[in-house]
Amino acid sequence: MFVDPGAMRTELVLEQATSTPDGAGGFTETWTEIATVFARLQPIVVRERFGADQTLEEVTHRVTIRHRPDVASGMRFVLGDRMLAILTVHDPDETGRYLICRTREQGR
């Protein structure tokens, strides 16, 4: 697989969720910045569906970054006010050079 390193020009913040007990039997989720990475961001699917008298929109992206051992599903990328939840992470050619993350945009 060929990845043009020059195409990785979108700066994203990689964040990880931390759950802390709230004292009432539940948890409070906070997000911690892990790193800033440069990525190639490609929109893949834009979907609209209807439910409960509202339109639910879903946008998925393919995010290509240089390999990092600490990236996992459940984390997220942040781009300004946009949040991209990481659904899957894989090494496309198993060489340890790049990671491809399939993401779903949250809050849009």
C-alpha atoms as a PDB file:
ATOM      1  CA  MET A   1       0.000   0.000   0.000  1.00  0.00           C
ATOM      2  CA  PHE A   2       1.338   3.421  -0.958  1.00  0.00           C
ATOM      3  CA  VAL A   3       0.585   6.377   1.300  1.00  0.00           C
ATOM      4  CA  ASP A   4       1.761   9.814   0.230  1.00  0.00           C
ATOM      5  CA  PRO A   5       3.232  11.384   3.398  1.00  0.00           C
ATOM      6  CA  GLY A   6       2.536  14.837   1.930  1.00  0.00           C
ATOM      7  CA  ALA A   7      -1.197  14.102   2.067  1.00  0.00           C
ATOM      8  CA  MET A   8      -1.024  13.925   5.868  1.00  0.00           C
ATOM      9  CA  ARG A   9      -1.490  17.632   6.470  1.00  0.00           C
ATOM     10  CA  THR A  10      -4.526  17.781   8.767  1.00  0.00           C
ATOM     11  CA  GLU A  11      -3.532  18.353  12.381  1.00  0.00           C
ATOM     12  CA  LEU A  12      -5.623  16.280  14.809  1.00  0.00           C
ATOM     13  CA  VAL A  13      -5.548  15.911  18.576  1.00  0.00           C
ATOM     14  CA  LEU A  14      -5.670  12.307  19.811  1.00  0.00           C
ATOM     15  CA  GLU A  15      -7.641  11.918  23.056  1.00  0.00           C
ATOM     16  CA  GLN A  16      -8.349   9.059  25.459  1.00  0.00           C
ATOM     17  CA  ALA A  17     -11.357   8.746  27.794  1.00  0.00           C
ATOM     18  CA  THR A  18     -10.924   8.315  31.533  1.00  0.00           C
ATOM     19  CA  SER A  19     -13.810   7.278  33.772  1.00  0.00           C
ATOM     20  CA  THR A  20     -13.813   8.426  37.392  1.00  0.00           C
ATOM     21  CA  PRO A  21     -16.412   7.490  40.022  1.00  0.00           C
ATOM     22  CA  ASP A  22     -18.879  10.316  40.686  1.00  0.00           C
ATOM     23  CA  GLY A  23     -19.735   9.201  44.250  1.00  0.00           C
ATOM     24  CA  ALA A  24     -23.343   8.348  43.364  1.00  0.00           C
ATOM     25  CA  GLY A  25     -22.696   4.939  41.805  1.00  0.00           C
ATOM     26  CA  GLY A  26     -21.970   6.272  38.318  1.00  0.00           C
ATOM     27  CA  PHE A  27     -18.951   7.543  36.449  1.00  0.00           C
ATOM     28  CA  THR A  28     -17.846  10.837  34.967  1.00  0.00           C
ATOM     29  CA  GLU A  29     -16.064  10.625  31.619  1.00  0.00           C
ATOM     30  CA  THR A  30     -13.220  13.050  30.949  1.00  0.00           C
ATOM     31  CA  TRP A  31     -11.019  13.227  27.863  1.00  0.00           C
ATOM     32  CA  THR A  32      -7.242  13.598  28.083  1.00  0.00           C
ATOM     33  CA  GLU A  33      -5.021  14.742  25.231  1.00  0.00           C
ATOM     34  CA  ILE A  34      -2.493  12.051  24.318  1.00  0.00           C
ATOM     35  CA  ALA A  35      -0.772  13.596  21.274  1.00  0.00           C
ATOM     36  CA  THR A  36      -1.083  15.868  18.281  1.00  0.00           C
ATOM     37  CA  VAL A  37      -0.751  13.998  14.976  1.00  0.00           C
ATOM     38  CA  PHE A  38      -0.831  14.859  11.300  1.00  0.00           C
ATOM     39  CA  ALA A  39      -3.279  12.824   9.269  1.00  0.00           C
ATOM     40  CA  ARG A  40      -4.938  12.308   5.918  1.00  0.00           C
ATOM     41  CA  LEU A  41      -8.669  12.775   6.469  1.00  0.00           C
ATOM     42  CA  GLN A  42     -11.024  11.243   3.881  1.00  0.00           C
ATOM     43  CA  PRO A  43     -14.822  11.360   4.208  1.00  0.00           C
ATOM     44  CA  ILE A  44     -16.259   7.921   3.376  1.00  0.00           C
ATOM     45  CA  VAL A  45     -20.007   7.770   4.042  1.00  0.00           C
ATOM     46  CA  VAL A  46     -22.637  10.396   4.735  1.00  0.00           C
ATOM     47  CA  ARG A  47     -25.902   8.878   5.895  1.00  0.00           C
ATOM     48  CA  GLU A  48     -29.185  10.334   7.024  1.00  0.00           C
ATOM     49  CA  ARG A  49     -31.890   8.418   8.824  1.00  0.00           C
ATOM     50  CA  PHE A  50     -35.071   9.381  10.599  1.00  0.00           C
ATOM     51  CA  GLY A  51     -36.015   8.457  14.123  1.00  0.00           C
ATOM     52  CA  ALA A  52     -38.104   9.873  16.968  1.00  0.00           C
ATOM     53  CA  ASP A  53     -39.251  12.873  14.895  1.00  0.00           C
ATOM     54  CA  GLN A  54     -35.712  13.938  14.091  1.00  0.00           C
ATOM     55  CA  THR A  55     -33.095  13.465  11.424  1.00  0.00           C
ATOM     56  CA  LEU A  56     -30.013  11.556  12.577  1.00  0.00           C
ATOM     57  CA  GLU A  57     -26.934  12.228  10.483  1.00  0.00           C
ATOM     58  CA  GLU A  58     -23.834  10.069  10.417  1.00  0.00           C
ATOM     59  CA  VAL A  59     -20.508  10.865   8.765  1.00  0.00           C
ATOM     60  CA  THR A  60     -17.652   8.349   8.683  1.00  0.00           C
ATOM     61  CA  HIS A  61     -14.047   9.114   7.776  1.00  0.00           C
ATOM     62  CA  ARG A  62     -10.880   7.199   7.002  1.00  0.00           C
ATOM     63  CA  VAL A  63      -8.003   8.731   8.963  1.00  0.00           C
ATOM     64  CA  THR A  64      -4.457   7.722   7.986  1.00  0.00           C
ATOM     65  CA  ILE A  65      -1.649   8.499  10.448  1.00  0.00           C
ATOM     66  CA  ARG A  66       1.914   7.389  11.051  1.00  0.00           C
ATOM     67  CA  HIS A  67       2.048   4.266  13.208  1.00  0.00           C
ATOM     68  CA  ARG A  68       1.681   4.777  16.954  1.00  0.00           C
ATOM     69  CA  PRO A  69       1.463   1.837  19.364  1.00  0.00           C
ATOM     70  CA  ASP A  70      -0.984   3.655  21.684  1.00  0.00           C
ATOM     71  CA  VAL A  71      -3.898   4.215  19.248  1.00  0.00           C
ATOM     72  CA  ALA A  72      -6.975   2.045  19.897  1.00  0.00           C
ATOM     73  CA  SER A  73     -10.685   1.956  19.247  1.00  0.00           C
ATOM     74  CA  GLY A  74     -12.626   3.920  21.860  1.00  0.00           C
ATOM     75  CA  MET A  75     -10.277   6.895  21.563  1.00  0.00           C
ATOM     76  CA  ARG A  76     -11.089   9.961  19.456  1.00  0.00           C
ATOM     77  CA  PHE A  77      -9.547  12.588  17.225  1.00  0.00           C
ATOM     78  CA  VAL A  78     -10.456  16.262  17.658  1.00  0.00           C
ATOM     79  CA  LEU A  79     -10.320  18.813  14.844  1.00  0.00           C
ATOM     80  CA  GLY A  80     -11.437  22.202  16.120  1.00  0.00           C
ATOM     81  CA  ASP A  81     -14.990  21.645  17.383  1.00  0.00           C
ATOM     82  CA  ARG A  82     -15.363  18.350  15.497  1.00  0.00           C
ATOM     83  CA  MET A  83     -14.930  15.005  17.278  1.00  0.00           C
ATOM     84  CA  LEU A  84     -14.159  11.777  15.409  1.00  0.00           C
ATOM     85  CA  ALA A  85     -14.727   8.625  17.477  1.00  0.00           C
ATOM     86  CA  ILE A  86     -12.279   5.866  16.513  1.00  0.00           C
ATOM     87  CA  LEU A  87     -14.196   2.687  15.610  1.00  0.00           C
ATOM     88  CA  THR A  88     -11.421   0.508  14.164  1.00  0.00           C
ATOM     89  CA  VAL A  89      -7.633   0.689  13.856  1.00  0.00           C
ATOM     90  CA  HIS A  90      -5.496  -1.426  11.529  1.00  0.00           C
ATOM     91  CA  ASP A  91      -2.071  -1.519   9.902  1.00  0.00           C
ATOM     92  CA  PRO A  92      -2.904  -1.803   6.174  1.00  0.00           C
ATOM     93  CA  ASP A  93       0.228  -3.646   5.070  1.00  0.00           C
ATOM     94  CA  GLU A  94       1.535  -4.792   8.472  1.00  0.00           C
ATOM     95  CA  THR A  95       4.832  -2.962   8.092  1.00  0.00           C
ATOM     96  CA  GLY A  96       4.426  -0.717  11.150  1.00  0.00           C
ATOM     97  CA  ARG A  97       4.563   2.463   9.058  1.00  0.00           C
ATOM     98  CA  TYR A  98       0.944   3.664   8.992  1.00  0.00           C
ATOM     99  CA  LEU A  99      -2.384   3.138  10.726  1.00  0.00           C
ATOM    100  CA  ILE A 100      -5.803   3.515   9.155  1.00  0.00           C
ATOM    101  CA  CYS A 101      -8.583   4.444  11.554  1.00  0.00           C
ATOM    102  CA  ARG A 102     -12.256   4.261  10.634  1.00  0.00           C
ATOM    103  CA  THR A 103     -14.064   7.002  12.537  1.00  0.00           C
ATOM    104  CA  ARG A 104     -17.583   8.313  13.087  1.00  0.00           C
ATOM    105  CA  GLU A 105     -18.082  12.025  13.519  1.00  0.00           C
ATOM    106  CA  GLN A 106     -19.885  12.847  16.761  1.00  0.00           C
ATOM    107  CA  GLY A 107     -22.269  15.689  17.452  1.00  0.00           C
ATOM    108  CA  ARG A 108     -23.172  16.621  13.885  1.00  0.00           C
END
